[in-house]
Every structure is written in structure tokens, then in C-alpha cells.
Amino acid sequence: MLERKQVKGHTHITFVLPENAPAGPVSVVGDFNHWNPSAHPMQARGDGMRAVTVSLPSHSSHSFRYLAAGDYWFDDEGADAHDGTNSRLHT
């Protein structure tokens, strides 16, 4: 799930997943962090979910995926689009 908040020329995108599905650590990787799995690890929230927020320029498009333990890559079903390989979001 993606949550958005507009802030002065940027959009704060919060990537949200259930805390234990999939089990283990999960990172958001994409063109906005050079596909670096260490850049945006998801953290537990008090509501049973885990999340990480990324600030991106408004009116831009980005490819991303999630990377879980065991080299398990997966897409966000709630993304704005899918290009066959990646999830896509539009700010």
C-alpha cells in the first residue's frame, strides 16, 4: 500500500506492508535509491504494519520493488502501474 503526502514540490511516499507478511526484513528498492536494499529498510509501526517513507520530486514517475529475506523480490499490488518487471508510482 502506498500513502502520499504533498510537501512543497515533493511527495512523501510511505510504503506500507503487514508486519509479518512476508516474514523477516523487507526493503523498498527502486530507481530513486539506485536499487540499494540498504537505503530504505521497512520498520515496524504500532498498528501491526511496517513502513518506510521516501521523499520524491512531485510530478515524477519511479520504478520500485520490495526485497525480502532470502532474495525474495515482489511487487506492490496497490502500485499506480506495473511495467511487467517492476511496480510503478507517480507523484
PDB file of N, CA and C in Angstrom:
ATOM      1  N   MET A   1       0.850  -1.169   0.000  1.00  0.00           N
ATOM      2  CA  MET A   1       0.000   0.000   0.000  1.00  0.00           C
ATOM      3  C   MET A   1       0.898   1.236   0.000  1.00  0.00           C
ATOM      4  N   LEU A   2       0.487   2.227  -0.733  1.00  0.00           N
ATOM      5  CA  LEU A   2       1.221   3.485  -0.808  1.00  0.00           C
ATOM      6  C   LEU A   2       0.389   4.597  -0.192  1.00  0.00           C
ATOM      7  N   GLU A   3       1.012   5.365   0.698  1.00  0.00           N
ATOM      8  CA  GLU A   3       0.378   6.558   1.265  1.00  0.00           C
ATOM      9  C   GLU A   3       1.141   7.760   0.746  1.00  0.00           C
ATOM     10  N   ARG A   4       0.436   8.831   0.413  1.00  0.00           N
ATOM     11  CA  ARG A   4       1.073  10.013  -0.168  1.00  0.00           C
ATOM     12  C   ARG A   4       0.742  11.266   0.627  1.00  0.00           C
ATOM     13  N   LYS A   5       1.731  12.166   0.684  1.00  0.00           N
ATOM     14  CA  LYS A   5       1.522  13.474   1.295  1.00  0.00           C
ATOM     15  C   LYS A   5       2.336  14.493   0.500  1.00  0.00           C
ATOM     16  N   GLN A   6       1.671  15.538   0.005  1.00  0.00           N
ATOM     17  CA  GLN A   6       2.338  16.594  -0.763  1.00  0.00           C
ATOM     18  C   GLN A   6       2.995  17.593   0.183  1.00  0.00           C
ATOM     19  N   VAL A   7       4.273  17.922  -0.084  1.00  0.00           N
ATOM     20  CA  VAL A   7       5.013  18.865   0.743  1.00  0.00           C
ATOM     21  C   VAL A   7       5.924  19.704  -0.145  1.00  0.00           C
ATOM     22  N   LYS A   8       5.532  20.943  -0.456  1.00  0.00           N
ATOM     23  CA  LYS A   8       6.367  21.921  -1.157  1.00  0.00           C
ATOM     24  C   LYS A   8       7.219  21.341  -2.286  1.00  0.00           C
ATOM     25  N   GLY A   9       6.600  20.907  -3.342  1.00  0.00           N
ATOM     26  CA  GLY A   9       7.335  20.429  -4.504  1.00  0.00           C
ATOM     27  C   GLY A   9       7.807  18.993  -4.412  1.00  0.00           C
ATOM     28  N   HIS A  10       7.508  18.344  -3.315  1.00  0.00           N
ATOM     29  CA  HIS A  10       7.874  16.944  -3.128  1.00  0.00           C
ATOM     30  C   HIS A  10       6.643  16.155  -2.700  1.00  0.00           C
ATOM     31  N   THR A  11       6.729  14.870  -2.888  1.00  0.00           N
ATOM     32  CA  THR A  11       5.691  13.978  -2.398  1.00  0.00           C
ATOM     33  C   THR A  11       6.352  12.978  -1.463  1.00  0.00           C
ATOM     34  N   HIS A  12       5.850  12.899  -0.253  1.00  0.00           N
ATOM     35  CA  HIS A  12       6.327  11.882   0.681  1.00  0.00           C
ATOM     36  C   HIS A  12       5.510  10.630   0.418  1.00  0.00           C
ATOM     37  N   ILE A  13       6.190   9.580  -0.026  1.00  0.00           N
ATOM     38  CA  ILE A  13       5.556   8.292  -0.288  1.00  0.00           C
ATOM     39  C   ILE A  13       5.890   7.373   0.877  1.00  0.00           C
ATOM     40  N   THR A  14       4.870   6.855   1.543  1.00  0.00           N
ATOM     41  CA  THR A  14       5.079   5.872   2.599  1.00  0.00           C
ATOM     42  C   THR A  14       4.652   4.522   2.055  1.00  0.00           C
ATOM     43  N   PHE A  15       5.609   3.606   2.013  1.00  0.00           N
ATOM     44  CA  PHE A  15       5.375   2.233   1.584  1.00  0.00           C
ATOM     45  C   PHE A  15       4.960   1.448   2.825  1.00  0.00           C
ATOM     46  N   VAL A  16       3.830   0.744   2.764  1.00  0.00           N
ATOM     47  CA  VAL A  16       3.274   0.070   3.936  1.00  0.00           C
ATOM     48  C   VAL A  16       2.974  -1.389   3.592  1.00  0.00           C
ATOM     49  N   LEU A  17       3.412  -2.291   4.476  1.00  0.00           N
ATOM     50  CA  LEU A  17       3.139  -3.724   4.348  1.00  0.00           C
ATOM     51  C   LEU A  17       2.751  -4.283   5.713  1.00  0.00           C
ATOM     52  N   PRO A  18       2.044  -5.415   5.748  1.00  0.00           N
ATOM     53  CA  PRO A  18       1.805  -6.078   7.035  1.00  0.00           C
ATOM     54  C   PRO A  18       3.135  -6.426   7.698  1.00  0.00           C
ATOM     55  N   GLU A  19       3.161  -6.395   9.023  1.00  0.00           N
ATOM     56  CA  GLU A  19       4.412  -6.582   9.762  1.00  0.00           C
ATOM     57  C   GLU A  19       5.066  -7.937   9.517  1.00  0.00           C
ATOM     58  N   ASN A  20       4.290  -8.981   9.293  1.00  0.00           N
ATOM     59  CA  ASN A  20       4.872 -10.321   9.167  1.00  0.00           C
ATOM     60  C   ASN A  20       4.598 -10.997   7.832  1.00  0.00           C
ATOM     61  N   ALA A  21       4.221 -10.274   6.835  1.00  0.00           N
ATOM     62  CA  ALA A  21       3.951 -10.889   5.534  1.00  0.00           C
ATOM     63  C   ALA A  21       4.654 -10.095   4.439  1.00  0.00           C
ATOM     64  N   PRO A  22       5.771 -10.561   3.946  1.00  0.00           N
ATOM     65  CA  PRO A  22       6.445 -11.799   4.300  1.00  0.00           C
ATOM     66  C   PRO A  22       7.264 -11.638   5.583  1.00  0.00           C
ATOM     67  N   ALA A  23       7.604 -12.774   6.172  1.00  0.00           N
ATOM     68  CA  ALA A  23       8.395 -12.770   7.411  1.00  0.00           C
ATOM     69  C   ALA A  23       9.806 -12.244   7.143  1.00  0.00           C
ATOM     70  N   GLY A  24      10.406 -11.671   8.171  1.00  0.00           N
ATOM     71  CA  GLY A  24      11.781 -11.187   8.064  1.00  0.00           C
ATOM     72  C   GLY A  24      11.859  -9.770   7.548  1.00  0.00           C
ATOM     73  N   PRO A  25      13.080  -9.284   7.399  1.00  0.00           N
ATOM     74  CA  PRO A  25      13.280  -7.905   6.950  1.00  0.00           C
ATOM     75  C   PRO A  25      12.862  -7.714   5.493  1.00  0.00           C
ATOM     76  N   VAL A  26      12.356  -6.499   5.216  1.00  0.00           N
ATOM     77  CA  VAL A  26      11.955  -6.113   3.856  1.00  0.00           C
ATOM     78  C   VAL A  26      12.462  -4.697   3.608  1.00  0.00           C
ATOM     79  N   SER A  27      12.969  -4.463   2.410  1.00  0.00           N
ATOM     80  CA  SER A  27      13.403  -3.125   1.990  1.00  0.00           C
ATOM     81  C   SER A  27      12.658  -2.717   0.738  1.00  0.00           C
ATOM     82  N   VAL A  28      12.520  -1.405   0.566  1.00  0.00           N
ATOM     83  CA  VAL A  28      11.995  -0.861  -0.680  1.00  0.00           C
ATOM     84  C   VAL A  28      13.205  -0.481  -1.521  1.00  0.00           C
ATOM     85  N   VAL A  29      13.246  -0.984  -2.730  1.00  0.00           N
ATOM     86  CA  VAL A  29      14.346  -0.667  -3.639  1.00  0.00           C
ATOM     87  C   VAL A  29      13.761  -0.142  -4.938  1.00  0.00           C
ATOM     88  N   GLY A  30      14.433   0.826  -5.516  1.00  0.00           N
ATOM     89  CA  GLY A  30      13.918   1.398  -6.744  1.00  0.00           C
ATOM     90  C   GLY A  30      14.912   2.327  -7.402  1.00  0.00           C
ATOM     91  N   ASP A  31      14.476   2.933  -8.494  1.00  0.00           N
ATOM     92  CA  ASP A  31      15.368   3.849  -9.204  1.00  0.00           C
ATOM     93  C   ASP A  31      15.696   5.079  -8.360  1.00  0.00           C
ATOM     94  N   PHE A  32      14.860   5.407  -7.377  1.00  0.00           N
ATOM     95  CA  PHE A  32      15.093   6.569  -6.517  1.00  0.00           C
ATOM     96  C   PHE A  32      16.190   6.336  -5.482  1.00  0.00           C
ATOM     97  N   ASN A  33      16.602   5.074  -5.258  1.00  0.00           N
ATOM     98  CA  ASN A  33      17.711   4.799  -4.333  1.00  0.00           C
ATOM     99  C   ASN A  33      18.765   3.912  -4.989  1.00  0.00           C
ATOM    100  N   HIS A  34      18.804   3.934  -6.313  1.00  0.00           N
ATOM    101  CA  HIS A  34      19.780   3.182  -7.107  1.00  0.00           C
ATOM    102  C   HIS A  34      19.720   1.689  -6.822  1.00  0.00           C
ATOM    103  N   TRP A  35      18.495   1.196  -6.501  1.00  0.00           N
ATOM    104  CA  TRP A  35      18.243  -0.230  -6.248  1.00  0.00           C
ATOM    105  C   TRP A  35      19.103  -0.758  -5.103  1.00  0.00           C
ATOM    106  N   ASN A  36      19.334   0.092  -4.124  1.00  0.00           N
ATOM    107  CA  ASN A  36      20.163  -0.255  -2.961  1.00  0.00           C
ATOM    108  C   ASN A  36      19.276  -0.797  -1.834  1.00  0.00           C
ATOM    109  N   PRO A  37      19.367  -2.084  -1.500  1.00  0.00           N
ATOM    110  CA  PRO A  37      18.499  -2.655  -0.473  1.00  0.00           C
ATOM    111  C   PRO A  37      18.776  -2.134   0.938  1.00  0.00           C
ATOM    112  N   SER A  38      19.895  -1.487   1.152  1.00  0.00           N
ATOM    113  CA  SER A  38      20.210  -0.930   2.475  1.00  0.00           C
ATOM    114  C   SER A  38      19.645   0.471   2.677  1.00  0.00           C
ATOM    115  N   ALA A  39      19.202   1.104   1.612  1.00  0.00           N
ATOM    116  CA  ALA A  39      18.789   2.512   1.682  1.00  0.00           C
ATOM    117  C   ALA A  39      17.469   2.732   2.410  1.00  0.00           C
ATOM    118  N   HIS A  40      16.480   1.851   2.224  1.00  0.00           N
ATOM    119  CA  HIS A  40      15.149   2.080   2.791  1.00  0.00           C
ATOM    120  C   HIS A  40      14.547   0.803   3.386  1.00  0.00           C
ATOM    121  N   PRO A  41      15.119   0.335   4.505  1.00  0.00           N
ATOM    122  CA  PRO A  41      14.515  -0.828   5.176  1.00  0.00           C
ATOM    123  C   PRO A  41      13.211  -0.427   5.865  1.00  0.00           C
ATOM    124  N   MET A  42      12.258  -1.308   5.841  1.00  0.00           N
ATOM    125  CA  MET A  42      10.964  -1.036   6.467  1.00  0.00           C
ATOM    126  C   MET A  42      11.062  -1.284   7.968  1.00  0.00           C
ATOM    127  N   GLN A  43      10.354  -0.448   8.744  1.00  0.00           N
ATOM    128  CA  GLN A  43      10.365  -0.524  10.198  1.00  0.00           C
ATOM    129  C   GLN A  43       8.953  -0.780  10.714  1.00  0.00           C
ATOM    130  N   ALA A  44       8.853  -1.521  11.820  1.00  0.00           N
ATOM    131  CA  ALA A  44       7.548  -1.822  12.423  1.00  0.00           C
ATOM    132  C   ALA A  44       6.892  -0.545  12.921  1.00  0.00           C
ATOM    133  N   ARG A  45       5.563  -0.466  12.736  1.00  0.00           N
ATOM    134  CA  ARG A  45       4.752   0.605  13.298  1.00  0.00           C
ATOM    135  C   ARG A  45       3.907  -0.001  14.409  1.00  0.00           C
ATOM    136  N   GLY A  46       3.284   0.809  15.195  1.00  0.00           N
ATOM    137  CA  GLY A  46       2.459   0.345  16.301  1.00  0.00           C
ATOM    138  C   GLY A  46       1.125  -0.256  15.896  1.00  0.00           C
ATOM    139  N   ASP A  47       0.774  -0.161  14.616  1.00  0.00           N
ATOM    140  CA  ASP A  47      -0.528  -0.642  14.152  1.00  0.00           C
ATOM    141  C   ASP A  47      -0.479  -2.023  13.499  1.00  0.00           C
ATOM    142  N   GLY A  48       0.620  -2.763  13.693  1.00  0.00           N
ATOM    143  CA  GLY A  48       0.737  -4.083  13.099  1.00  0.00           C
ATOM    144  C   GLY A  48       1.243  -4.063  11.663  1.00  0.00           C
ATOM    145  N   MET A  49       1.655  -2.911  11.216  1.00  0.00           N
ATOM    146  CA  MET A  49       2.189  -2.759   9.865  1.00  0.00           C
ATOM    147  C   MET A  49       3.660  -2.360   9.971  1.00  0.00           C
ATOM    148  N   ARG A  50       4.353  -2.389   8.860  1.00  0.00           N
ATOM    149  CA  ARG A  50       5.712  -1.841   8.783  1.00  0.00           C
ATOM    150  C   ARG A  50       5.756  -0.891   7.610  1.00  0.00           C
ATOM    151  N   ALA A  51       6.641   0.095   7.701  1.00  0.00           N
ATOM    152  CA  ALA A  51       6.623   1.152   6.689  1.00  0.00           C
ATOM    153  C   ALA A  51       7.979   1.842   6.593  1.00  0.00           C
ATOM    154  N   VAL A  52       8.144   2.550   5.499  1.00  0.00           N
ATOM    155  CA  VAL A  52       9.268   3.457   5.307  1.00  0.00           C
ATOM    156  C   VAL A  52       8.778   4.572   4.391  1.00  0.00           C
ATOM    157  N   THR A  53       9.255   5.796   4.639  1.00  0.00           N
ATOM    158  CA  THR A  53       8.842   6.953   3.854  1.00  0.00           C
ATOM    159  C   THR A  53      10.019   7.475   3.035  1.00  0.00           C
ATOM    160  N   VAL A  54       9.734   7.808   1.791  1.00  0.00           N
ATOM    161  CA  VAL A  54      10.723   8.338   0.860  1.00  0.00           C
ATOM    162  C   VAL A  54      10.168   9.644   0.302  1.00  0.00           C
ATOM    163  N   SER A  55      10.999  10.673   0.226  1.00  0.00           N
ATOM    164  CA  SER A  55      10.603  11.953  -0.361  1.00  0.00           C
ATOM    165  C   SER A  55      11.072  11.993  -1.809  1.00  0.00           C
ATOM    166  N   LEU A  56      10.113  12.218  -2.728  1.00  0.00           N
ATOM    167  CA  LEU A  56      10.415  12.242  -4.157  1.00  0.00           C
ATOM    168  C   LEU A  56       9.890  13.536  -4.769  1.00  0.00           C
ATOM    169  N   PRO A  57      10.503  13.997  -5.853  1.00  0.00           N
ATOM    170  CA  PRO A  57      10.001  15.204  -6.515  1.00  0.00           C
ATOM    171  C   PRO A  57       8.567  14.989  -7.004  1.00  0.00           C
ATOM    172  N   SER A  58       7.749  16.002  -6.856  1.00  0.00           N
ATOM    173  CA  SER A  58       6.388  15.932  -7.375  1.00  0.00           C
ATOM    174  C   SER A  58       6.418  15.839  -8.895  1.00  0.00           C
ATOM    175  N   HIS A  59       5.376  15.260  -9.462  1.00  0.00           N
ATOM    176  CA  HIS A  59       5.201  15.117 -10.911  1.00  0.00           C
ATOM    177  C   HIS A  59       6.311  14.290 -11.545  1.00  0.00           C
ATOM    178  N   SER A  60       6.677  13.191 -10.864  1.00  0.00           N
ATOM    179  CA  SER A  60       7.687  12.287 -11.398  1.00  0.00           C
ATOM    180  C   SER A  60       7.162  10.849 -11.319  1.00  0.00           C
ATOM    181  N   SER A  61       7.801   9.943 -12.037  1.00  0.00           N
ATOM    182  CA  SER A  61       7.431   8.533 -12.033  1.00  0.00           C
ATOM    183  C   SER A  61       8.654   7.702 -11.664  1.00  0.00           C
ATOM    184  N   HIS A  62       8.406   6.612 -10.945  1.00  0.00           N
ATOM    185  CA  HIS A  62       9.511   5.793 -10.457  1.00  0.00           C
ATOM    186  C   HIS A  62       9.153   4.313 -10.485  1.00  0.00           C
ATOM    187  N   SER A  63      10.175   3.492 -10.718  1.00  0.00           N
ATOM    188  CA  SER A  63      10.051   2.041 -10.629  1.00  0.00           C
ATOM    189  C   SER A  63      10.541   1.600  -9.262  1.00  0.00           C
ATOM    190  N   PHE A  64       9.877   0.580  -8.696  1.00  0.00           N
ATOM    191  CA  PHE A  64      10.318   0.045  -7.412  1.00  0.00           C
ATOM    192  C   PHE A  64       9.831  -1.383  -7.249  1.00  0.00           C
ATOM    193  N   ARG A  65      10.431  -2.062  -6.279  1.00  0.00           N
ATOM    194  CA  ARG A  65      10.004  -3.400  -5.854  1.00  0.00           C
ATOM    195  C   ARG A  65      10.363  -3.526  -4.381  1.00  0.00           C
ATOM    196  N   TYR A  66       9.863  -4.578  -3.770  1.00  0.00           N
ATOM    197  CA  TYR A  66      10.241  -4.916  -2.401  1.00  0.00           C
ATOM    198  C   TYR A  66      11.223  -6.076  -2.451  1.00  0.00           C
ATOM    199  N   LEU A  67      12.191  -6.063  -1.527  1.00  0.00           N
ATOM    200  CA  LEU A  67      13.150  -7.157  -1.408  1.00  0.00           C
ATOM    201  C   LEU A  67      13.084  -7.672   0.019  1.00  0.00           C
ATOM    202  N   ALA A  68      12.691  -8.953   0.155  1.00  0.00           N
ATOM    203  CA  ALA A  68      12.577  -9.588   1.468  1.00  0.00           C
ATOM    204  C   ALA A  68      13.732 -10.564   1.662  1.00  0.00           C
ATOM    205  N   ALA A  69      13.813 -11.093   2.868  1.00  0.00           N
ATOM    206  CA  ALA A  69      14.848 -12.076   3.207  1.00  0.00           C
ATOM    207  C   ALA A  69      14.816 -13.230   2.209  1.00  0.00           C
ATOM    208  N   GLY A  70      15.970 -13.821   1.979  1.00  0.00           N
ATOM    209  CA  GLY A  70      16.059 -14.943   1.057  1.00  0.00           C
ATOM    210  C   GLY A  70      16.041 -14.530  -0.397  1.00  0.00           C
ATOM    211  N   ASP A  71      16.365 -13.264  -0.682  1.00  0.00           N
ATOM    212  CA  ASP A  71      16.389 -12.733  -2.044  1.00  0.00           C
ATOM    213  C   ASP A  71      15.028 -12.863  -2.724  1.00  0.00           C
ATOM    214  N   TYR A  72      13.952 -12.644  -1.937  1.00  0.00           N
ATOM    215  CA  TYR A  72      12.581 -12.725  -2.442  1.00  0.00           C
ATOM    216  C   TYR A  72      12.125 -11.330  -2.870  1.00  0.00           C
ATOM    217  N   TRP A  73      11.967 -11.127  -4.183  1.00  0.00           N
ATOM    218  CA  TRP A  73      11.512  -9.864  -4.760  1.00  0.00           C
ATOM    219  C   TRP A  73      10.017  -9.944  -5.016  1.00  0.00           C
ATOM    220  N   PHE A  74       9.291  -8.862  -4.726  1.00  0.00           N
ATOM    221  CA  PHE A  74       7.863  -8.849  -5.029  1.00  0.00           C
ATOM    222  C   PHE A  74       7.386  -7.429  -5.287  1.00  0.00           C
ATOM    223  N   ASP A  75       6.236  -7.342  -5.955  1.00  0.00           N
ATOM    224  CA  ASP A  75       5.650  -6.070  -6.351  1.00  0.00           C
ATOM    225  C   ASP A  75       4.588  -5.622  -5.361  1.00  0.00           C
ATOM    226  N   ASP A  76       4.174  -4.387  -5.492  1.00  0.00           N
ATOM    227  CA  ASP A  76       3.096  -3.820  -4.694  1.00  0.00           C
ATOM    228  C   ASP A  76       1.828  -3.855  -5.539  1.00  0.00           C
ATOM    229  N   GLU A  77       0.871  -4.656  -5.118  1.00  0.00           N
ATOM    230  CA  GLU A  77      -0.380  -4.775  -5.866  1.00  0.00           C
ATOM    231  C   GLU A  77      -1.142  -3.454  -5.936  1.00  0.00           C
ATOM    232  N   GLY A  78      -0.900  -2.551  -4.975  1.00  0.00           N
ATOM    233  CA  GLY A  78      -1.574  -1.260  -4.955  1.00  0.00           C
ATOM    234  C   GLY A  78      -0.818  -0.158  -5.665  1.00  0.00           C
ATOM    235  N   ALA A  79       0.246  -0.518  -6.394  1.00  0.00           N
ATOM    236  CA  ALA A  79       1.023   0.483  -7.128  1.00  0.00           C
ATOM    237  C   ALA A  79       0.174   1.131  -8.208  1.00  0.00           C
ATOM    238  N   ASP A  80       0.612   2.285  -8.691  1.00  0.00           N
ATOM    239  CA  ASP A  80      -0.109   3.005  -9.734  1.00  0.00           C
ATOM    240  C   ASP A  80      -0.124   2.239 -11.049  1.00  0.00           C
ATOM    241  N   ALA A  81       0.923   1.458 -11.293  1.00  0.00           N
ATOM    242  CA  ALA A  81       1.025   0.678 -12.530  1.00  0.00           C
ATOM    243  C   ALA A  81       2.084  -0.403 -12.325  1.00  0.00           C
ATOM    244  N   HIS A  82       2.157  -1.299 -13.297  1.00  0.00           N
ATOM    245  CA  HIS A  82       3.193  -2.330 -13.336  1.00  0.00           C
ATOM    246  C   HIS A  82       3.694  -2.383 -14.776  1.00  0.00           C
ATOM    247  N   ASP A  83       5.006  -2.487 -14.938  1.00  0.00           N
ATOM    248  CA  ASP A  83       5.556  -2.471 -16.292  1.00  0.00           C
ATOM    249  C   ASP A  83       6.023  -3.850 -16.767  1.00  0.00           C
ATOM    250  N   GLY A  84       5.587  -4.888 -16.078  1.00  0.00           N
ATOM    251  CA  GLY A  84       5.985  -6.235 -16.444  1.00  0.00           C
ATOM    252  C   GLY A  84       7.122  -6.753 -15.587  1.00  0.00           C
ATOM    253  N   THR A  85       7.949  -5.849 -15.098  1.00  0.00           N
ATOM    254  CA  THR A  85       9.064  -6.222 -14.226  1.00  0.00           C
ATOM    255  C   THR A  85       8.943  -5.555 -12.862  1.00  0.00           C
ATOM    256  N   ASN A  86       8.516  -4.324 -12.837  1.00  0.00           N
ATOM    257  CA  ASN A  86       8.501  -3.526 -11.613  1.00  0.00           C
ATOM    258  C   ASN A  86       7.134  -2.909 -11.340  1.00  0.00           C
ATOM    259  N   SER A  87       6.947  -2.519 -10.099  1.00  0.00           N
ATOM    260  CA  SER A  87       5.821  -1.659  -9.733  1.00  0.00           C
ATOM    261  C   SER A  87       6.203  -0.235 -10.126  1.00  0.00           C
ATOM    262  N   ARG A  88       5.201   0.597 -10.415  1.00  0.00           N
ATOM    263  CA  ARG A  88       5.434   1.990 -10.783  1.00  0.00           C
ATOM    264  C   ARG A  88       4.609   2.879  -9.884  1.00  0.00           C
ATOM    265  N   LEU A  89       5.165   4.041  -9.544  1.00  0.00           N
ATOM    266  CA  LEU A  89       4.408   5.040  -8.808  1.00  0.00           C
ATOM    267  C   LEU A  89       4.588   6.382  -9.461  1.00  0.00           C
ATOM    268  N   HIS A  90       3.562   7.206  -9.344  1.00  0.00           N
ATOM    269  CA  HIS A  90       3.552   8.552  -9.921  1.00  0.00           C
ATOM    270  C   HIS A  90       3.279   9.538  -8.784  1.00  0.00           C
ATOM    271  N   THR A  91       4.136  10.539  -8.670  1.00  0.00           N
ATOM    272  CA  THR A  91       3.991  11.505  -7.582  1.00  0.00           C
ATOM    273  C   THR A  91       3.178  12.709  -8.027  1.00  0.00           C
TER     274      THR A  91
END
